Amino acid sequence: MVNFSLMAVVNFFLPRRHAGEATSCDNFMLDDPARNIQDNGMKLLRKLNSLPVFWILLSIPAILMVRGYLAGDIIAMDMLHPTGEFSARFMIVAMIITPLSVIFGNRQWIAWMMKRRRSFGLAAFGYGMLHLIFYIIDMEALEPILAEFWAPGIWTGWAALLVFVPLAVTSNNLSMRRLKQSWKQLQRLVYIAALLTLAHWLLIHDGVGGALAHFIPLLLLELLRVIIIYGRRDNGLKQRESL
């Protein structure tokens, strides 16, 4: 019964043959259909795991929000909070990758996130720009925008977006090659952008729970990263002294 069931499964995947024709079964090549299925599956996974598909996934919230606004289901004011939150979330995700790599070391999922760190950062800038667009639409004119510009909850948002501009513009291989070591120094401006974003979030909203829930994990991971790095340096110095 077992042998019969196995042959039934094999015959199901093998192509039909006419009388006198040889099949892969006759040549003991029963693994061809399975190999084809595996190859096709791997090709599909590579496509799903590609950066273009990843960018589509990152843009889905923006597409849904813009669609809702254009359909008249949502007004511009209601778009300010979600666009700002998504900008902050993607910025935080891009920032936690480095401390995670220090904490967990070389892991496959860390490498996966490393390859997509720029995408997260650019998505944060993109949602920040969308946040600005809906803000301008909501204000309707330049005069009210200028009138509230120096309010602490407003200028911090403008400043955060301004800091994001050079980070987004230089987030490419060409800029890395031209700027060399200066590129890393420039990218560290993201910490200033994060502080300004946190201040903007805290000052513009009544409650602090949402902002703290997003930024406290980032703070804890960064602190743990510093502790680990300095711990490794201390161990290295002790080892040299013992030689």
C-alpha atoms as a PDB file:
ATOM      1  CA  MET A   1       0.000   0.000   0.000  1.00  0.00           C
ATOM      2  CA  VAL A   2       2.816   2.419   0.825  1.00  0.00           C
ATOM      3  CA  ASN A   3       4.613   1.706  -2.454  1.00  0.00           C
ATOM      4  CA  PHE A   4       1.382   2.143  -4.368  1.00  0.00           C
ATOM      5  CA  SER A   5       0.723   5.535  -2.738  1.00  0.00           C
ATOM      6  CA  LEU A   6       4.253   6.714  -3.487  1.00  0.00           C
ATOM      7  CA  MET A   7       3.970   5.758  -7.134  1.00  0.00           C
ATOM      8  CA  ALA A   8       0.589   7.494  -7.334  1.00  0.00           C
ATOM      9  CA  VAL A   9       2.131  10.744  -6.131  1.00  0.00           C
ATOM     10  CA  VAL A  10       5.065  10.392  -8.530  1.00  0.00           C
ATOM     11  CA  ASN A  11       2.798   9.639 -11.474  1.00  0.00           C
ATOM     12  CA  PHE A  12       0.698  12.671 -10.613  1.00  0.00           C
ATOM     13  CA  PHE A  13       3.678  15.032 -11.136  1.00  0.00           C
ATOM     14  CA  LEU A  14       5.186  13.202 -14.123  1.00  0.00           C
ATOM     15  CA  PRO A  15       4.013  14.094 -17.651  1.00  0.00           C
ATOM     16  CA  ARG A  16       1.719  11.685 -19.495  1.00  0.00           C
ATOM     17  CA  ARG A  17       3.383   9.417 -22.088  1.00  0.00           C
ATOM     18  CA  HIS A  18       2.175   7.411 -24.994  1.00  0.00           C
ATOM     19  CA  ALA A  19       2.941   3.779 -25.506  1.00  0.00           C
ATOM     20  CA  GLY A  20       6.606   3.100 -26.224  1.00  0.00           C
ATOM     21  CA  GLU A  21       7.798   6.516 -24.983  1.00  0.00           C
ATOM     22  CA  ALA A  22      10.380   6.721 -22.242  1.00  0.00           C
ATOM     23  CA  THR A  23       9.797   8.908 -19.198  1.00  0.00           C
ATOM     24  CA  SER A  24      12.008  10.270 -16.484  1.00  0.00           C
ATOM     25  CA  CYS A  25      10.742   7.421 -14.309  1.00  0.00           C
ATOM     26  CA  ASP A  26      12.233   4.917 -16.714  1.00  0.00           C
ATOM     27  CA  ASN A  27      15.573   6.717 -16.412  1.00  0.00           C
ATOM     28  CA  PHE A  28      15.347   6.962 -12.618  1.00  0.00           C
ATOM     29  CA  MET A  29      15.053  10.791 -12.777  1.00  0.00           C
ATOM     30  CA  LEU A  30      12.108  11.187 -10.436  1.00  0.00           C
ATOM     31  CA  ASP A  31      13.495  14.376  -8.922  1.00  0.00           C
ATOM     32  CA  ASP A  32      13.051  16.603 -12.015  1.00  0.00           C
ATOM     33  CA  PRO A  33       9.496  17.756 -11.239  1.00  0.00           C
ATOM     34  CA  ALA A  34      10.399  18.431  -7.610  1.00  0.00           C
ATOM     35  CA  ARG A  35      13.503  20.328  -8.721  1.00  0.00           C
ATOM     36  CA  ASN A  36      11.426  22.461 -11.097  1.00  0.00           C
ATOM     37  CA  ILE A  37       8.931  23.250  -8.367  1.00  0.00           C
ATOM     38  CA  GLN A  38      11.756  24.187  -6.013  1.00  0.00           C
ATOM     39  CA  ASP A  39      13.453  26.380  -8.637  1.00  0.00           C
ATOM     40  CA  ASN A  40      10.205  28.178  -9.426  1.00  0.00           C
ATOM     41  CA  GLY A  41       9.557  28.663  -5.728  1.00  0.00           C
ATOM     42  CA  MET A  42      13.017  30.136  -5.194  1.00  0.00           C
ATOM     43  CA  LYS A  43      12.557  32.501  -8.138  1.00  0.00           C
ATOM     44  CA  LEU A  44       9.242  33.668  -6.693  1.00  0.00           C
ATOM     45  CA  LEU A  45      10.800  34.212  -3.258  1.00  0.00           C
ATOM     46  CA  ARG A  46      13.658  36.222  -4.792  1.00  0.00           C
ATOM     47  CA  LYS A  47      11.162  38.444  -6.600  1.00  0.00           C
ATOM     48  CA  LEU A  48       9.081  38.935  -3.449  1.00  0.00           C
ATOM     49  CA  ASN A  49      12.266  39.702  -1.520  1.00  0.00           C
ATOM     50  CA  SER A  50      13.511  42.243  -4.062  1.00  0.00           C
ATOM     51  CA  LEU A  51      13.828  45.943  -3.314  1.00  0.00           C
ATOM     52  CA  PRO A  52      11.111  47.006  -5.810  1.00  0.00           C
ATOM     53  CA  VAL A  53       8.577  44.766  -4.086  1.00  0.00           C
ATOM     54  CA  PHE A  54       9.820  45.999  -0.705  1.00  0.00           C
ATOM     55  CA  TRP A  55       9.286  49.577  -1.837  1.00  0.00           C
ATOM     56  CA  ILE A  56       5.734  48.710  -2.869  1.00  0.00           C
ATOM     57  CA  LEU A  57       5.105  47.366   0.632  1.00  0.00           C
ATOM     58  CA  LEU A  58       6.518  50.534   2.198  1.00  0.00           C
ATOM     59  CA  SER A  59       4.306  52.712   0.016  1.00  0.00           C
ATOM     60  CA  ILE A  60       1.029  50.864   0.675  1.00  0.00           C
ATOM     61  CA  PRO A  61       0.036  53.059   3.685  1.00  0.00           C
ATOM     62  CA  ALA A  62       0.739  56.213   1.657  1.00  0.00           C
ATOM     63  CA  ILE A  63      -1.253  54.908  -1.309  1.00  0.00           C
ATOM     64  CA  LEU A  64      -4.233  54.096   0.915  1.00  0.00           C
ATOM     65  CA  MET A  65      -4.084  57.485   2.656  1.00  0.00           C
ATOM     66  CA  VAL A  66      -3.847  59.445  -0.601  1.00  0.00           C
ATOM     67  CA  ARG A  67      -6.619  57.351  -2.116  1.00  0.00           C
ATOM     68  CA  GLY A  68      -8.860  58.060   0.874  1.00  0.00           C
ATOM     69  CA  TYR A  69      -8.141  61.778   0.652  1.00  0.00           C
ATOM     70  CA  LEU A  70      -8.778  61.964  -3.100  1.00  0.00           C
ATOM     71  CA  ALA A  71     -12.025  60.042  -2.640  1.00  0.00           C
ATOM     72  CA  GLY A  72     -13.167  62.576  -0.081  1.00  0.00           C
ATOM     73  CA  ASP A  73     -13.296  60.081   2.770  1.00  0.00           C
ATOM     74  CA  ILE A  74     -10.566  61.836   4.782  1.00  0.00           C
ATOM     75  CA  ILE A  75      -9.719  65.507   5.162  1.00  0.00           C
ATOM     76  CA  ALA A  76      -6.162  66.870   5.128  1.00  0.00           C
ATOM     77  CA  MET A  77      -6.124  67.520   8.878  1.00  0.00           C
ATOM     78  CA  ASP A  78      -6.830  63.868   9.593  1.00  0.00           C
ATOM     79  CA  MET A  79      -3.841  62.879   7.468  1.00  0.00           C
ATOM     80  CA  LEU A  80      -1.303  64.794   9.552  1.00  0.00           C
ATOM     81  CA  HIS A  81      -1.093  62.338  12.422  1.00  0.00           C
ATOM     82  CA  PRO A  82      -0.761  59.067  10.430  1.00  0.00           C
ATOM     83  CA  THR A  83       1.752  60.472   7.935  1.00  0.00           C
ATOM     84  CA  GLY A  84       3.862  61.879  10.758  1.00  0.00           C
ATOM     85  CA  GLU A  85       3.714  58.612  12.680  1.00  0.00           C
ATOM     86  CA  PHE A  86       4.790  56.538   9.696  1.00  0.00           C
ATOM     87  CA  SER A  87       7.681  58.919   9.076  1.00  0.00           C
ATOM     88  CA  ALA A  88       8.832  58.540  12.670  1.00  0.00           C
ATOM     89  CA  ARG A  89       8.362  54.765  12.619  1.00  0.00           C
ATOM     90  CA  PHE A  90      10.450  54.207   9.518  1.00  0.00           C
ATOM     91  CA  MET A  91      13.149  56.532  10.866  1.00  0.00           C
ATOM     92  CA  ILE A  92      13.249  54.552  14.121  1.00  0.00           C
ATOM     93  CA  VAL A  93      13.410  51.231  12.260  1.00  0.00           C
ATOM     94  CA  ALA A  94      16.337  52.523  10.200  1.00  0.00           C
ATOM     95  CA  MET A  95      18.103  53.683  13.374  1.00  0.00           C
ATOM     96  CA  ILE A  96      17.662  50.508  15.444  1.00  0.00           C
ATOM     97  CA  ILE A  97      19.399  48.331  12.848  1.00  0.00           C
ATOM     98  CA  THR A  98      22.876  49.397  14.003  1.00  0.00           C
ATOM     99  CA  PRO A  99      22.326  48.676  17.719  1.00  0.00           C
ATOM    100  CA  LEU A 100      20.635  45.394  16.837  1.00  0.00           C
ATOM    101  CA  SER A 101      23.702  44.366  14.812  1.00  0.00           C
ATOM    102  CA  VAL A 102      25.935  45.180  17.795  1.00  0.00           C
ATOM    103  CA  ILE A 103      23.712  43.278  20.225  1.00  0.00           C
ATOM    104  CA  PHE A 104      23.007  40.170  18.134  1.00  0.00           C
ATOM    105  CA  GLY A 105      26.052  40.089  15.868  1.00  0.00           C
ATOM    106  CA  ASN A 106      26.028  38.549  12.407  1.00  0.00           C
ATOM    107  CA  ARG A 107      22.555  37.152  11.818  1.00  0.00           C
ATOM    108  CA  GLN A 108      20.734  36.540   8.575  1.00  0.00           C
ATOM    109  CA  TRP A 109      17.815  38.757   9.546  1.00  0.00           C
ATOM    110  CA  ILE A 110      20.225  41.524  10.554  1.00  0.00           C
ATOM    111  CA  ALA A 111      21.865  41.341   7.122  1.00  0.00           C
ATOM    112  CA  TRP A 112      18.399  41.487   5.530  1.00  0.00           C
ATOM    113  CA  MET A 113      17.575  44.649   7.455  1.00  0.00           C
ATOM    114  CA  MET A 114      20.983  46.182   6.719  1.00  0.00           C
ATOM    115  CA  LYS A 115      20.363  45.885   2.982  1.00  0.00           C
ATOM    116  CA  ARG A 116      17.078  47.747   3.417  1.00  0.00           C
ATOM    117  CA  ARG A 117      18.185  50.425   5.873  1.00  0.00           C
ATOM    118  CA  ARG A 118      18.374  53.082   3.187  1.00  0.00           C
ATOM    119  CA  SER A 119      14.878  52.140   2.038  1.00  0.00           C
ATOM    120  CA  PHE A 120      13.561  52.663   5.558  1.00  0.00           C
ATOM    121  CA  GLY A 121      15.334  56.014   5.780  1.00  0.00           C
ATOM    122  CA  LEU A 122      14.046  57.211   2.415  1.00  0.00           C
ATOM    123  CA  ALA A 123      10.557  56.030   3.337  1.00  0.00           C
ATOM    124  CA  ALA A 124      10.784  58.120   6.514  1.00  0.00           C
ATOM    125  CA  PHE A 125      11.676  61.174   4.413  1.00  0.00           C
ATOM    126  CA  GLY A 126       8.920  60.392   1.910  1.00  0.00           C
ATOM    127  CA  TYR A 127       6.253  60.181   4.598  1.00  0.00           C
ATOM    128  CA  GLY A 128       7.668  63.349   6.149  1.00  0.00           C
ATOM    129  CA  MET A 129       7.176  65.140   2.819  1.00  0.00           C
ATOM    130  CA  LEU A 130       3.660  63.761   2.591  1.00  0.00           C
ATOM    131  CA  HIS A 131       3.091  65.059   6.126  1.00  0.00           C
ATOM    132  CA  LEU A 132       4.244  68.516   4.968  1.00  0.00           C
ATOM    133  CA  ILE A 133       2.010  68.442   1.878  1.00  0.00           C
ATOM    134  CA  PHE A 134      -1.103  67.682   3.901  1.00  0.00           C
ATOM    135  CA  TYR A 135      -0.113  70.358   6.417  1.00  0.00           C
ATOM    136  CA  ILE A 136       0.090  72.962   3.646  1.00  0.00           C
ATOM    137  CA  ILE A 137      -3.239  71.799   2.208  1.00  0.00           C
ATOM    138  CA  ASP A 138      -4.838  72.013   5.644  1.00  0.00           C
ATOM    139  CA  MET A 139      -3.502  75.523   6.316  1.00  0.00           C
ATOM    140  CA  GLU A 140      -4.731  76.647   2.842  1.00  0.00           C
ATOM    141  CA  ALA A 141      -2.570  79.796   2.718  1.00  0.00           C
ATOM    142  CA  LEU A 142       0.939  81.056   3.449  1.00  0.00           C
ATOM    143  CA  GLU A 143      -0.144  83.643   6.031  1.00  0.00           C
ATOM    144  CA  PRO A 144      -1.379  81.195   8.725  1.00  0.00           C
ATOM    145  CA  ILE A 145       1.686  79.013   8.148  1.00  0.00           C
ATOM    146  CA  LEU A 146       4.001  81.953   8.836  1.00  0.00           C
ATOM    147  CA  ALA A 147       1.872  83.079  11.778  1.00  0.00           C
ATOM    148  CA  GLU A 148       2.461  79.853  13.703  1.00  0.00           C
ATOM    149  CA  PHE A 149       5.925  79.058  12.358  1.00  0.00           C
ATOM    150  CA  TRP A 150       7.794  79.902  15.586  1.00  0.00           C
ATOM    151  CA  ALA A 151       5.506  77.884  17.821  1.00  0.00           C
ATOM    152  CA  PRO A 152       7.714  75.195  19.472  1.00  0.00           C
ATOM    153  CA  GLY A 153       5.574  72.364  18.165  1.00  0.00           C
ATOM    154  CA  ILE A 154       5.796  73.704  14.614  1.00  0.00           C
ATOM    155  CA  TRP A 155       9.369  74.865  14.043  1.00  0.00           C
ATOM    156  CA  THR A 156      10.707  71.592  15.469  1.00  0.00           C
ATOM    157  CA  GLY A 157       8.841  69.746  12.716  1.00  0.00           C
ATOM    158  CA  TRP A 158      10.226  72.061  10.029  1.00  0.00           C
ATOM    159  CA  ALA A 159      13.738  71.647  11.450  1.00  0.00           C
ATOM    160  CA  ALA A 160      13.468  67.857  11.540  1.00  0.00           C
ATOM    161  CA  LEU A 161      12.408  67.765   7.886  1.00  0.00           C
ATOM    162  CA  LEU A 162      15.194  70.179   6.955  1.00  0.00           C
ATOM    163  CA  VAL A 163      17.784  67.889   8.569  1.00  0.00           C
ATOM    164  CA  PHE A 164      16.292  64.964   6.672  1.00  0.00           C
ATOM    165  CA  VAL A 165      16.920  66.597   3.273  1.00  0.00           C
ATOM    166  CA  PRO A 166      20.733  66.087   3.053  1.00  0.00           C
ATOM    167  CA  LEU A 167      20.341  62.584   4.519  1.00  0.00           C
ATOM    168  CA  ALA A 168      17.881  61.603   1.803  1.00  0.00           C
ATOM    169  CA  VAL A 169      19.820  63.293  -1.019  1.00  0.00           C
ATOM    170  CA  THR A 170      23.066  61.495  -0.091  1.00  0.00           C
ATOM    171  CA  SER A 171      21.461  58.107   0.554  1.00  0.00           C
ATOM    172  CA  ASN A 172      23.035  56.462  -2.498  1.00  0.00           C
ATOM    173  CA  ASN A 173      26.254  54.704  -3.535  1.00  0.00           C
ATOM    174  CA  LEU A 174      27.544  57.660  -5.550  1.00  0.00           C
ATOM    175  CA  SER A 175      27.398  59.953  -2.522  1.00  0.00           C
ATOM    176  CA  MET A 176      29.105  57.324  -0.390  1.00  0.00           C
ATOM    177  CA  ARG A 177      32.014  57.110  -2.835  1.00  0.00           C
ATOM    178  CA  ARG A 178      32.398  60.868  -3.190  1.00  0.00           C
ATOM    179  CA  LEU A 179      31.994  61.809   0.462  1.00  0.00           C
ATOM    180  CA  LYS A 180      33.961  58.805   1.795  1.00  0.00           C
ATOM    181  CA  GLN A 181      34.390  59.164   5.571  1.00  0.00           C
ATOM    182  CA  SER A 182      32.353  62.368   5.591  1.00  0.00           C
ATOM    183  CA  TRP A 183      29.323  60.359   4.514  1.00  0.00           C
ATOM    184  CA  LYS A 184      29.080  58.581   7.869  1.00  0.00           C
ATOM    185  CA  GLN A 185      29.473  61.867   9.724  1.00  0.00           C
ATOM    186  CA  LEU A 186      26.680  63.368   7.637  1.00  0.00           C
ATOM    187  CA  GLN A 187      24.383  60.419   8.287  1.00  0.00           C
ATOM    188  CA  ARG A 188      24.810  60.923  12.048  1.00  0.00           C
ATOM    189  CA  LEU A 189      22.589  63.968  11.651  1.00  0.00           C
ATOM    190  CA  VAL A 190      19.750  61.478  11.903  1.00  0.00           C
ATOM    191  CA  TYR A 191      20.138  61.642  15.700  1.00  0.00           C
ATOM    192  CA  ILE A 192      19.389  65.366  15.584  1.00  0.00           C
ATOM    193  CA  ALA A 193      16.429  64.656  13.316  1.00  0.00           C
ATOM    194  CA  ALA A 194      15.197  62.057  15.805  1.00  0.00           C
ATOM    195  CA  LEU A 195      15.392  64.497  18.734  1.00  0.00           C
ATOM    196  CA  LEU A 196      13.575  67.174  16.756  1.00  0.00           C
ATOM    197  CA  THR A 197      10.932  64.658  15.670  1.00  0.00           C
ATOM    198  CA  LEU A 198      10.393  63.570  19.265  1.00  0.00           C
ATOM    199  CA  ALA A 199      10.093  67.198  20.411  1.00  0.00           C
ATOM    200  CA  HIS A 200       7.661  67.959  17.572  1.00  0.00           C
ATOM    201  CA  TRP A 201       5.527  64.930  18.488  1.00  0.00           C
ATOM    202  CA  LEU A 202       5.467  65.746  22.204  1.00  0.00           C
ATOM    203  CA  LEU A 203       4.670  69.420  21.694  1.00  0.00           C
ATOM    204  CA  ILE A 204       2.047  69.067  18.993  1.00  0.00           C
ATOM    205  CA  HIS A 205      -0.042  66.395  20.742  1.00  0.00           C
ATOM    206  CA  ASP A 206      -1.723  66.450  24.124  1.00  0.00           C
ATOM    207  CA  GLY A 207      -0.612  62.985  25.249  1.00  0.00           C
ATOM    208  CA  VAL A 208       2.949  61.700  25.434  1.00  0.00           C
ATOM    209  CA  GLY A 209       2.178  57.973  25.366  1.00  0.00           C
ATOM    210  CA  GLY A 210       2.439  57.511  21.607  1.00  0.00           C
ATOM    211  CA  ALA A 211       5.742  59.328  21.260  1.00  0.00           C
ATOM    212  CA  LEU A 212       7.338  57.560  24.216  1.00  0.00           C
ATOM    213  CA  ALA A 213       6.115  54.154  23.043  1.00  0.00           C
ATOM    214  CA  HIS A 214       7.976  54.710  19.767  1.00  0.00           C
ATOM    215  CA  PHE A 215      11.166  56.346  21.024  1.00  0.00           C
ATOM    216  CA  ILE A 216      11.866  54.560  24.326  1.00  0.00           C
ATOM    217  CA  PRO A 217      12.771  51.255  22.582  1.00  0.00           C
ATOM    218  CA  LEU A 218      15.194  53.186  20.375  1.00  0.00           C
ATOM    219  CA  LEU A 219      16.748  54.848  23.422  1.00  0.00           C
ATOM    220  CA  LEU A 220      17.127  51.543  25.281  1.00  0.00           C
ATOM    221  CA  LEU A 221      18.729  49.832  22.286  1.00  0.00           C
ATOM    222  CA  GLU A 222      21.167  52.720  21.808  1.00  0.00           C
ATOM    223  CA  LEU A 223      22.125  52.626  25.493  1.00  0.00           C
ATOM    224  CA  LEU A 224      22.674  48.878  25.332  1.00  0.00           C
ATOM    225  CA  ARG A 225      24.779  49.374  22.211  1.00  0.00           C
ATOM    226  CA  VAL A 226      27.020  51.882  24.015  1.00  0.00           C
ATOM    227  CA  ILE A 227      27.382  49.560  27.022  1.00  0.00           C
ATOM    228  CA  ILE A 228      28.386  46.628  24.807  1.00  0.00           C
ATOM    229  CA  ILE A 229      30.890  48.674  22.785  1.00  0.00           C
ATOM    230  CA  TYR A 230      32.585  50.118  25.862  1.00  0.00           C
ATOM    231  CA  GLY A 231      32.537  46.713  27.517  1.00  0.00           C
ATOM    232  CA  ARG A 232      34.373  45.221  24.566  1.00  0.00           C
ATOM    233  CA  ARG A 233      36.935  48.034  24.654  1.00  0.00           C
ATOM    234  CA  ASP A 234      37.564  47.489  28.358  1.00  0.00           C
ATOM    235  CA  ASN A 235      38.027  43.757  27.809  1.00  0.00           C
ATOM    236  CA  GLY A 236      40.455  44.468  24.995  1.00  0.00           C
ATOM    237  CA  LEU A 237      42.505  46.809  27.167  1.00  0.00           C
ATOM    238  CA  LYS A 238      42.621  44.282  29.988  1.00  0.00           C
ATOM    239  CA  GLN A 239      43.794  41.563  27.606  1.00  0.00           C
ATOM    240  CA  ARG A 240      46.599  43.808  26.303  1.00  0.00           C
ATOM    241  CA  GLU A 241      47.693  44.678  29.820  1.00  0.00           C
ATOM    242  CA  SER A 242      47.837  41.015  30.795  1.00  0.00           C
ATOM    243  CA  LEU A 243      50.209  40.205  27.906  1.00  0.00           C
END
